[in-house]
Amino acid sequence: MKINANAIKPGMVLQHDGGLWVAVKTAHVKPGKGGAFAQVELKNLITGTKLNERFRSEDTVERVRLEQKDYTFLYDQGDVLVFMDKVSYEQIELQKDWVGEERAQFLQDGMEVTIESHEERPIGLSLPEYVTLEVVETEPTVKGQTASSSYKPAIANNGMRIMIPPYMTTGERIVVSTESGEYVRRAD
Protein backbone atom coordinates (compact mmCIF):
# COMPACT_ATOMS: atom_id res chain seq x y z
CA MET A 1 0.00 0.00 0.00
CA LYS A 2 1.53 3.32 -1.10
CA ILE A 3 1.48 6.15 1.44
CA ASN A 4 2.65 9.75 1.32
CA ALA A 5 6.07 10.35 2.92
CA ASN A 6 4.47 12.88 5.30
CA ALA A 7 2.36 10.05 6.80
CA ILE A 8 5.38 7.99 7.97
CA LYS A 9 5.26 7.44 11.72
CA PRO A 10 7.64 5.57 14.07
CA GLY A 11 6.93 1.83 14.09
CA MET A 12 5.70 1.64 10.49
CA VAL A 13 7.31 -1.00 8.28
CA LEU A 14 8.31 0.20 4.81
CA GLN A 15 9.68 -1.43 1.69
CA HIS A 16 12.58 0.78 0.58
CA ASP A 17 15.64 0.12 -1.61
CA GLY A 18 14.70 -3.57 -1.94
CA GLY A 19 14.57 -4.23 1.83
CA LEU A 20 12.20 -4.12 4.78
CA TRP A 21 12.77 -1.16 7.10
CA VAL A 22 11.05 0.00 10.28
CA ALA A 23 10.79 3.74 10.95
CA VAL A 24 12.54 4.48 14.24
CA LYS A 25 12.34 8.30 14.31
CA THR A 26 10.63 10.82 12.07
CA ALA A 27 10.97 14.58 11.88
CA HIS A 28 9.04 16.85 9.54
CA VAL A 29 11.16 19.79 8.43
CA LYS A 30 9.97 22.93 6.66
CA PRO A 31 13.02 24.98 5.76
CA GLY A 32 12.69 28.70 5.01
CA LYS A 33 13.74 28.09 1.43
CA GLY A 34 12.67 25.04 -0.60
CA GLY A 35 10.05 22.37 -0.08
CA ALA A 36 9.16 20.55 3.12
CA PHE A 37 10.55 17.08 3.74
CA ALA A 38 10.44 14.21 6.22
CA GLN A 39 13.74 13.16 7.81
CA VAL A 40 13.28 9.49 8.72
CA GLU A 41 15.65 7.17 10.61
CA LEU A 42 15.13 3.61 9.33
CA LYS A 43 16.34 0.28 10.70
CA ASN A 44 16.59 -2.79 8.47
CA LEU A 45 14.48 -5.65 9.88
CA ILE A 46 16.76 -8.36 8.48
CA THR A 47 20.30 -7.00 8.94
CA GLY A 48 19.71 -4.42 11.70
CA THR A 49 21.60 -1.67 9.83
CA LYS A 50 20.41 1.92 10.21
CA LEU A 51 19.79 4.50 7.52
CA ASN A 52 18.82 8.18 7.58
CA GLU A 53 16.62 9.00 4.61
CA ARG A 54 15.10 12.28 3.47
CA PHE A 55 11.72 12.06 1.72
CA ARG A 56 10.21 15.07 -0.04
CA SER A 57 6.56 15.75 0.78
CA GLU A 58 5.44 14.62 -2.68
CA ASP A 59 7.29 11.25 -2.44
CA THR A 60 5.38 8.04 -1.81
CA VAL A 61 6.67 4.92 -0.07
CA GLU A 62 5.40 1.35 0.08
CA ARG A 63 3.99 0.47 3.51
CA VAL A 64 4.18 -3.22 4.41
CA ARG A 65 1.75 -4.99 6.70
CA LEU A 66 3.30 -7.79 8.68
CA GLU A 67 1.23 -10.85 9.45
CA GLN A 68 1.10 -11.62 13.17
CA LYS A 69 0.37 -15.14 14.38
CA ASP A 70 0.30 -16.62 17.86
CA TYR A 71 2.58 -19.59 18.44
CA THR A 72 3.32 -21.84 21.40
CA PHE A 73 6.94 -22.62 22.29
CA LEU A 74 7.42 -26.40 22.29
CA TYR A 75 11.09 -27.19 22.90
CA ASP A 76 14.74 -26.27 22.40
CA GLN A 77 16.61 -28.54 19.97
CA GLY A 78 20.21 -27.33 20.30
CA ASP A 79 20.59 -24.47 17.78
CA VAL A 80 16.90 -24.62 16.79
CA LEU A 81 13.79 -23.53 18.70
CA VAL A 82 10.51 -25.25 17.78
CA PHE A 83 7.16 -23.40 17.88
CA MET A 84 3.62 -24.56 17.02
CA ASP A 85 0.89 -22.49 15.37
CA LYS A 86 -2.04 -22.34 17.80
CA VAL A 87 -4.63 -22.54 15.01
CA SER A 88 -3.26 -24.95 12.38
CA TYR A 89 -0.90 -26.91 14.71
CA GLU A 90 1.87 -26.47 12.13
CA GLN A 91 5.37 -26.49 13.58
CA ILE A 92 7.99 -23.87 12.72
CA GLU A 93 11.70 -24.00 13.53
CA LEU A 94 13.68 -20.81 14.18
CA GLN A 95 17.43 -20.54 14.66
CA LYS A 96 18.41 -19.69 18.25
CA ASP A 97 20.85 -16.99 17.06
CA TRP A 98 18.02 -15.35 15.05
CA VAL A 99 15.84 -15.16 18.19
CA GLY A 100 18.83 -14.01 20.27
CA GLU A 101 20.43 -15.82 23.20
CA GLU A 102 19.28 -13.19 25.72
CA ARG A 103 15.65 -13.57 24.60
CA ALA A 104 15.76 -17.36 24.11
CA GLN A 105 16.60 -17.88 27.80
CA PHE A 106 13.13 -16.59 28.74
CA LEU A 107 11.30 -19.21 26.63
CA GLN A 108 9.44 -21.81 28.70
CA ASP A 109 7.46 -24.89 27.59
CA GLY A 110 3.97 -23.85 26.52
CA MET A 111 4.78 -20.11 26.46
CA GLU A 112 2.72 -18.12 23.97
CA VAL A 113 4.67 -15.82 21.63
CA THR A 114 3.74 -13.72 18.60
CA ILE A 115 5.75 -14.16 15.41
CA GLU A 116 5.59 -11.45 12.76
CA SER A 117 6.17 -12.56 9.19
CA HIS A 118 6.28 -11.03 5.74
CA GLU A 119 5.42 -13.31 2.81
CA GLU A 120 5.73 -16.41 5.08
CA ARG A 121 9.23 -15.35 6.23
CA PRO A 122 9.63 -14.71 10.00
CA ILE A 123 10.75 -11.14 10.70
CA GLY A 124 10.24 -10.67 14.44
CA LEU A 125 9.32 -12.46 17.66
CA SER A 126 7.46 -10.87 20.60
CA LEU A 127 7.71 -12.40 24.06
CA PRO A 128 5.23 -11.83 26.89
CA GLU A 129 6.12 -8.72 28.91
CA TYR A 130 6.88 -10.73 32.08
CA VAL A 131 7.91 -14.30 32.92
CA THR A 132 7.87 -16.19 36.21
CA LEU A 133 11.13 -17.83 37.25
CA GLU A 134 12.30 -19.71 40.34
CA VAL A 135 15.38 -18.77 42.37
CA VAL A 136 17.66 -21.84 42.47
CA GLU A 137 20.74 -20.29 44.06
CA THR A 138 21.38 -17.18 46.16
CA GLU A 139 23.30 -16.00 49.20
CA PRO A 140 21.68 -16.65 52.57
CA THR A 141 19.54 -13.90 54.08
CA VAL A 142 21.41 -11.68 56.54
CA LYS A 143 19.41 -10.79 59.64
CA GLY A 144 18.42 -7.14 59.80
CA GLN A 145 18.89 -6.56 56.07
CA THR A 146 15.18 -6.76 55.16
CA ALA A 147 14.60 -3.00 54.99
CA SER A 148 17.72 -2.29 52.96
CA SER A 149 17.43 -1.06 49.39
CA SER A 150 20.43 -3.12 48.24
CA TYR A 151 20.01 -6.21 46.10
CA LYS A 152 21.89 -9.50 46.11
CA PRO A 153 22.84 -11.77 43.17
CA ALA A 154 20.84 -14.91 42.43
CA ILE A 155 20.58 -17.56 39.72
CA ALA A 156 17.17 -18.43 38.29
CA ASN A 157 16.03 -21.85 37.03
CA ASN A 158 16.80 -20.81 33.42
CA GLY A 159 20.46 -20.13 34.35
CA MET A 160 20.04 -16.36 34.26
CA ARG A 161 21.87 -14.18 36.80
CA ILE A 162 19.56 -11.63 38.38
CA MET A 163 19.60 -9.17 41.29
CA ILE A 164 16.87 -9.81 43.89
CA PRO A 165 15.89 -8.20 47.24
CA PRO A 166 18.01 -9.39 50.17
CA TYR A 167 15.11 -11.03 52.06
CA MET A 168 14.39 -13.57 49.27
CA THR A 169 15.63 -17.15 49.51
CA THR A 170 16.20 -20.17 47.29
CA GLY A 171 12.99 -21.74 45.96
CA GLU A 172 11.00 -18.49 45.72
CA ARG A 173 9.19 -17.62 42.51
CA ILE A 174 9.84 -14.18 41.01
CA VAL A 175 8.46 -12.14 38.11
CA VAL A 176 11.11 -10.85 35.67
CA SER A 177 10.77 -8.33 32.82
CA THR A 178 11.68 -9.86 29.43
CA GLU A 179 12.57 -6.38 28.14
CA SER A 180 15.19 -5.46 30.76
CA GLY A 181 15.90 -8.82 32.44
CA GLU A 182 15.33 -7.23 35.86
CA TYR A 183 13.44 -8.41 38.92
CA VAL A 184 9.92 -6.89 39.05
CA ARG A 185 8.16 -8.49 42.03
CA ARG A 186 7.56 -11.69 43.95
CA ALA A 187 5.25 -14.12 42.09
CA ASP A 188 1.85 -14.98 43.56
C-alpha atoms as a PDB file:
ATOM      1  CA  MET A   1       0.000   0.000   0.000  1.00  0.00           C
ATOM      2  CA  LYS A   2       1.530   3.321  -1.098  1.00  0.00           C
ATOM      3  CA  ILE A   3       1.480   6.152   1.444  1.00  0.00           C
ATOM      4  CA  ASN A   4       2.652   9.747   1.316  1.00  0.00           C
ATOM      5  CA  ALA A   5       6.067  10.352   2.918  1.00  0.00           C
ATOM      6  CA  ASN A   6       4.473  12.883   5.301  1.00  0.00           C
ATOM      7  CA  ALA A   7       2.362  10.054   6.800  1.00  0.00           C
ATOM      8  CA  ILE A   8       5.382   7.994   7.970  1.00  0.00           C
ATOM      9  CA  LYS A   9       5.261   7.436  11.722  1.00  0.00           C
ATOM     10  CA  PRO A  10       7.641   5.575  14.066  1.00  0.00           C
ATOM     11  CA  GLY A  11       6.926   1.831  14.093  1.00  0.00           C
ATOM     12  CA  MET A  12       5.703   1.644  10.486  1.00  0.00           C
ATOM     13  CA  VAL A  13       7.313  -0.999   8.285  1.00  0.00           C
ATOM     14  CA  LEU A  14       8.313   0.195   4.812  1.00  0.00           C
ATOM     15  CA  GLN A  15       9.675  -1.435   1.688  1.00  0.00           C
ATOM     16  CA  HIS A  16      12.582   0.782   0.580  1.00  0.00           C
ATOM     17  CA  ASP A  17      15.642   0.122  -1.612  1.00  0.00           C
ATOM     18  CA  GLY A  18      14.701  -3.570  -1.939  1.00  0.00           C
ATOM     19  CA  GLY A  19      14.574  -4.235   1.827  1.00  0.00           C
ATOM     20  CA  LEU A  20      12.201  -4.116   4.779  1.00  0.00           C
ATOM     21  CA  TRP A  21      12.774  -1.164   7.096  1.00  0.00           C
ATOM     22  CA  VAL A  22      11.047   0.001  10.278  1.00  0.00           C
ATOM     23  CA  ALA A  23      10.786   3.742  10.945  1.00  0.00           C
ATOM     24  CA  VAL A  24      12.541   4.481  14.243  1.00  0.00           C
ATOM     25  CA  LYS A  25      12.344   8.298  14.309  1.00  0.00           C
ATOM     26  CA  THR A  26      10.630  10.816  12.075  1.00  0.00           C
ATOM     27  CA  ALA A  27      10.970  14.583  11.884  1.00  0.00           C
ATOM     28  CA  HIS A  28       9.042  16.849   9.540  1.00  0.00           C
ATOM     29  CA  VAL A  29      11.164  19.786   8.426  1.00  0.00           C
ATOM     30  CA  LYS A  30       9.972  22.930   6.658  1.00  0.00           C
ATOM     31  CA  PRO A  31      13.024  24.979   5.763  1.00  0.00           C
ATOM     32  CA  GLY A  32      12.694  28.699   5.012  1.00  0.00           C
ATOM     33  CA  LYS A  33      13.739  28.090   1.426  1.00  0.00           C
ATOM     34  CA  GLY A  34      12.674  25.043  -0.603  1.00  0.00           C
ATOM     35  CA  GLY A  35      10.054  22.371  -0.080  1.00  0.00           C
ATOM     36  CA  ALA A  36       9.156  20.554   3.122  1.00  0.00           C
ATOM     37  CA  PHE A  37      10.551  17.075   3.736  1.00  0.00           C
ATOM     38  CA  ALA A  38      10.438  14.213   6.216  1.00  0.00           C
ATOM     39  CA  GLN A  39      13.738  13.163   7.814  1.00  0.00           C
ATOM     40  CA  VAL A  40      13.284   9.488   8.716  1.00  0.00           C
ATOM     41  CA  GLU A  41      15.649   7.166  10.610  1.00  0.00           C
ATOM     42  CA  LEU A  42      15.129   3.614   9.325  1.00  0.00           C
ATOM     43  CA  LYS A  43      16.339   0.280  10.698  1.00  0.00           C
ATOM     44  CA  ASN A  44      16.590  -2.787   8.470  1.00  0.00           C
ATOM     45  CA  LEU A  45      14.484  -5.646   9.882  1.00  0.00           C
ATOM     46  CA  ILE A  46      16.758  -8.363   8.481  1.00  0.00           C
ATOM     47  CA  THR A  47      20.305  -7.003   8.939  1.00  0.00           C
ATOM     48  CA  GLY A  48      19.710  -4.422  11.700  1.00  0.00           C
ATOM     49  CA  THR A  49      21.599  -1.672   9.832  1.00  0.00           C
ATOM     50  CA  LYS A  50      20.414   1.919  10.214  1.00  0.00           C
ATOM     51  CA  LEU A  51      19.794   4.499   7.519  1.00  0.00           C
ATOM     52  CA  ASN A  52      18.820   8.181   7.582  1.00  0.00           C
ATOM     53  CA  GLU A  53      16.620   9.002   4.613  1.00  0.00           C
ATOM     54  CA  ARG A  54      15.101  12.278   3.471  1.00  0.00           C
ATOM     55  CA  PHE A  55      11.719  12.063   1.721  1.00  0.00           C
ATOM     56  CA  ARG A  56      10.207  15.071  -0.044  1.00  0.00           C
ATOM     57  CA  SER A  57       6.562  15.751   0.782  1.00  0.00           C
ATOM     58  CA  GLU A  58       5.438  14.618  -2.685  1.00  0.00           C
ATOM     59  CA  ASP A  59       7.295  11.250  -2.442  1.00  0.00           C
ATOM     60  CA  THR A  60       5.385   8.045  -1.806  1.00  0.00           C
ATOM     61  CA  VAL A  61       6.671   4.917  -0.065  1.00  0.00           C
ATOM     62  CA  GLU A  62       5.400   1.346   0.080  1.00  0.00           C
ATOM     63  CA  ARG A  63       3.988   0.474   3.507  1.00  0.00           C
ATOM     64  CA  VAL A  64       4.178  -3.216   4.410  1.00  0.00           C
ATOM     65  CA  ARG A  65       1.745  -4.986   6.701  1.00  0.00           C
ATOM     66  CA  LEU A  66       3.297  -7.790   8.681  1.00  0.00           C
ATOM     67  CA  GLU A  67       1.235 -10.854   9.448  1.00  0.00           C
ATOM     68  CA  GLN A  68       1.098 -11.618  13.171  1.00  0.00           C
ATOM     69  CA  LYS A  69       0.369 -15.142  14.380  1.00  0.00           C
ATOM     70  CA  ASP A  70       0.297 -16.624  17.862  1.00  0.00           C
ATOM     71  CA  TYR A  71       2.581 -19.593  18.438  1.00  0.00           C
ATOM     72  CA  THR A  72       3.315 -21.836  21.402  1.00  0.00           C
ATOM     73  CA  PHE A  73       6.939 -22.622  22.288  1.00  0.00           C
ATOM     74  CA  LEU A  74       7.419 -26.397  22.290  1.00  0.00           C
ATOM     75  CA  TYR A  75      11.091 -27.188  22.899  1.00  0.00           C
ATOM     76  CA  ASP A  76      14.741 -26.273  22.398  1.00  0.00           C
ATOM     77  CA  GLN A  77      16.606 -28.540  19.973  1.00  0.00           C
ATOM     78  CA  GLY A  78      20.210 -27.329  20.299  1.00  0.00           C
ATOM     79  CA  ASP A  79      20.594 -24.468  17.785  1.00  0.00           C
ATOM     80  CA  VAL A  80      16.902 -24.617  16.789  1.00  0.00           C
ATOM     81  CA  LEU A  81      13.790 -23.526  18.704  1.00  0.00           C
ATOM     82  CA  VAL A  82      10.513 -25.250  17.782  1.00  0.00           C
ATOM     83  CA  PHE A  83       7.163 -23.403  17.879  1.00  0.00           C
ATOM     84  CA  MET A  84       3.619 -24.557  17.024  1.00  0.00           C
ATOM     85  CA  ASP A  85       0.892 -22.485  15.368  1.00  0.00           C
ATOM     86  CA  LYS A  86      -2.042 -22.339  17.804  1.00  0.00           C
ATOM     87  CA  VAL A  87      -4.633 -22.542  15.014  1.00  0.00           C
ATOM     88  CA  SER A  88      -3.261 -24.950  12.377  1.00  0.00           C
ATOM     89  CA  TYR A  89      -0.901 -26.912  14.715  1.00  0.00           C
ATOM     90  CA  GLU A  90       1.866 -26.467  12.127  1.00  0.00           C
ATOM     91  CA  GLN A  91       5.371 -26.486  13.577  1.00  0.00           C
ATOM     92  CA  ILE A  92       7.987 -23.872  12.722  1.00  0.00           C
ATOM     93  CA  GLU A  93      11.696 -24.005  13.527  1.00  0.00           C
ATOM     94  CA  LEU A  94      13.682 -20.808  14.184  1.00  0.00           C
ATOM     95  CA  GLN A  95      17.432 -20.535  14.659  1.00  0.00           C
ATOM     96  CA  LYS A  96      18.410 -19.686  18.247  1.00  0.00           C
ATOM     97  CA  ASP A  97      20.846 -16.994  17.060  1.00  0.00           C
ATOM     98  CA  TRP A  98      18.018 -15.353  15.052  1.00  0.00           C
ATOM     99  CA  VAL A  99      15.844 -15.158  18.195  1.00  0.00           C
ATOM    100  CA  GLY A 100      18.835 -14.011  20.267  1.00  0.00           C
ATOM    101  CA  GLU A 101      20.428 -15.822  23.199  1.00  0.00           C
ATOM    102  CA  GLU A 102      19.285 -13.194  25.725  1.00  0.00           C
ATOM    103  CA  ARG A 103      15.646 -13.573  24.600  1.00  0.00           C
ATOM    104  CA  ALA A 104      15.763 -17.363  24.105  1.00  0.00           C
ATOM    105  CA  GLN A 105      16.596 -17.883  27.797  1.00  0.00           C
ATOM    106  CA  PHE A 106      13.128 -16.585  28.741  1.00  0.00           C
ATOM    107  CA  LEU A 107      11.304 -19.212  26.633  1.00  0.00           C
ATOM    108  CA  GLN A 108       9.437 -21.814  28.696  1.00  0.00           C
ATOM    109  CA  ASP A 109       7.463 -24.887  27.589  1.00  0.00           C
ATOM    110  CA  GLY A 110       3.969 -23.854  26.521  1.00  0.00           C
ATOM    111  CA  MET A 111       4.777 -20.113  26.462  1.00  0.00           C
ATOM    112  CA  GLU A 112       2.724 -18.116  23.971  1.00  0.00           C
ATOM    113  CA  VAL A 113       4.673 -15.817  21.631  1.00  0.00           C
ATOM    114  CA  THR A 114       3.738 -13.719  18.597  1.00  0.00           C
ATOM    115  CA  ILE A 115       5.748 -14.164  15.409  1.00  0.00           C
ATOM    116  CA  GLU A 116       5.590 -11.452  12.759  1.00  0.00           C
ATOM    117  CA  SER A 117       6.170 -12.565   9.194  1.00  0.00           C
ATOM    118  CA  HIS A 118       6.278 -11.031   5.738  1.00  0.00           C
ATOM    119  CA  GLU A 119       5.419 -13.314   2.809  1.00  0.00           C
ATOM    120  CA  GLU A 120       5.726 -16.414   5.077  1.00  0.00           C
ATOM    121  CA  ARG A 121       9.233 -15.351   6.226  1.00  0.00           C
ATOM    122  CA  PRO A 122       9.627 -14.712   9.997  1.00  0.00           C
ATOM    123  CA  ILE A 123      10.755 -11.139  10.700  1.00  0.00           C
ATOM    124  CA  GLY A 124      10.244 -10.669  14.442  1.00  0.00           C
ATOM    125  CA  LEU A 125       9.321 -12.464  17.658  1.00  0.00           C
ATOM    126  CA  SER A 126       7.460 -10.865  20.596  1.00  0.00           C
ATOM    127  CA  LEU A 127       7.711 -12.398  24.055  1.00  0.00           C
ATOM    128  CA  PRO A 128       5.232 -11.832  26.891  1.00  0.00           C
ATOM    129  CA  GLU A 129       6.115  -8.718  28.913  1.00  0.00           C
ATOM    130  CA  TYR A 130       6.879 -10.727  32.079  1.00  0.00           C
ATOM    131  CA  VAL A 131       7.909 -14.303  32.918  1.00  0.00           C
ATOM    132  CA  THR A 132       7.874 -16.194  36.208  1.00  0.00           C
ATOM    133  CA  LEU A 133      11.134 -17.833  37.252  1.00  0.00           C
ATOM    134  CA  GLU A 134      12.302 -19.711  40.339  1.00  0.00           C
ATOM    135  CA  VAL A 135      15.380 -18.769  42.369  1.00  0.00           C
ATOM    136  CA  VAL A 136      17.663 -21.839  42.470  1.00  0.00           C
ATOM    137  CA  GLU A 137      20.743 -20.295  44.064  1.00  0.00           C
ATOM    138  CA  THR A 138      21.379 -17.181  46.160  1.00  0.00           C
ATOM    139  CA  GLU A 139      23.304 -16.003  49.202  1.00  0.00           C
ATOM    140  CA  PRO A 140      21.679 -16.648  52.574  1.00  0.00           C
ATOM    141  CA  THR A 141      19.541 -13.904  54.081  1.00  0.00           C
ATOM    142  CA  VAL A 142      21.412 -11.680  56.536  1.00  0.00           C
ATOM    143  CA  LYS A 143      19.409 -10.791  59.635  1.00  0.00           C
ATOM    144  CA  GLY A 144      18.418  -7.139  59.795  1.00  0.00           C
ATOM    145  CA  GLN A 145      18.885  -6.559  56.073  1.00  0.00           C
ATOM    146  CA  THR A 146      15.182  -6.763  55.158  1.00  0.00           C
ATOM    147  CA  ALA A 147      14.603  -3.004  54.990  1.00  0.00           C
ATOM    148  CA  SER A 148      17.716  -2.292  52.964  1.00  0.00           C
ATOM    149  CA  SER A 149      17.434  -1.056  49.391  1.00  0.00           C
ATOM    150  CA  SER A 150      20.432  -3.124  48.245  1.00  0.00           C
ATOM    151  CA  TYR A 151      20.006  -6.214  46.104  1.00  0.00           C
ATOM    152  CA  LYS A 152      21.888  -9.498  46.115  1.00  0.00           C
ATOM    153  CA  PRO A 153      22.837 -11.766  43.171  1.00  0.00           C
ATOM    154  CA  ALA A 154      20.838 -14.909  42.431  1.00  0.00           C
ATOM    155  CA  ILE A 155      20.582 -17.556  39.721  1.00  0.00           C
ATOM    156  CA  ALA A 156      17.165 -18.430  38.287  1.00  0.00           C
ATOM    157  CA  ASN A 157      16.026 -21.855  37.028  1.00  0.00           C
ATOM    158  CA  ASN A 158      16.802 -20.811  33.422  1.00  0.00           C
ATOM    159  CA  GLY A 159      20.464 -20.131  34.347  1.00  0.00           C
ATOM    160  CA  MET A 160      20.043 -16.355  34.257  1.00  0.00           C
ATOM    161  CA  ARG A 161      21.868 -14.182  36.798  1.00  0.00           C
ATOM    162  CA  ILE A 162      19.557 -11.627  38.383  1.00  0.00           C
ATOM    163  CA  MET A 163      19.596  -9.173  41.286  1.00  0.00           C
ATOM    164  CA  ILE A 164      16.868  -9.814  43.887  1.00  0.00           C
ATOM    165  CA  PRO A 165      15.886  -8.201  47.238  1.00  0.00           C
ATOM    166  CA  PRO A 166      18.012  -9.394  50.169  1.00  0.00           C
ATOM    167  CA  TYR A 167      15.112 -11.030  52.060  1.00  0.00           C
ATOM    168  CA  MET A 168      14.391 -13.566  49.273  1.00  0.00           C
ATOM    169  CA  THR A 169      15.634 -17.152  49.511  1.00  0.00           C
ATOM    170  CA  THR A 170      16.198 -20.171  47.293  1.00  0.00           C
ATOM    171  CA  GLY A 171      12.985 -21.737  45.960  1.00  0.00           C
ATOM    172  CA  GLU A 172      11.002 -18.491  45.721  1.00  0.00           C
ATOM    173  CA  ARG A 173       9.191 -17.619  42.509  1.00  0.00           C
ATOM    174  CA  ILE A 174       9.840 -14.177  41.009  1.00  0.00           C
ATOM    175  CA  VAL A 175       8.461 -12.143  38.105  1.00  0.00           C
ATOM    176  CA  VAL A 176      11.107 -10.852  35.675  1.00  0.00           C
ATOM    177  CA  SER A 177      10.773  -8.327  32.824  1.00  0.00           C
ATOM    178  CA  THR A 178      11.676  -9.862  29.434  1.00  0.00           C
ATOM    179  CA  GLU A 179      12.567  -6.385  28.141  1.00  0.00           C
ATOM    180  CA  SER A 180      15.194  -5.458  30.763  1.00  0.00           C
ATOM    181  CA  GLY A 181      15.901  -8.824  32.441  1.00  0.00           C
ATOM    182  CA  GLU A 182      15.332  -7.226  35.862  1.00  0.00           C
ATOM    183  CA  TYR A 183      13.439  -8.412  38.923  1.00  0.00           C
ATOM    184  CA  VAL A 184       9.915  -6.892  39.049  1.00  0.00           C
ATOM    185  CA  ARG A 185       8.156  -8.486  42.034  1.00  0.00           C
ATOM    186  CA  ARG A 186       7.560 -11.690  43.949  1.00  0.00           C
ATOM    187  CA  ALA A 187       5.251 -14.117  42.094  1.00  0.00           C
ATOM    188  CA  ASP A 188       1.851 -14.977  43.564  1.00  0.00           C
END
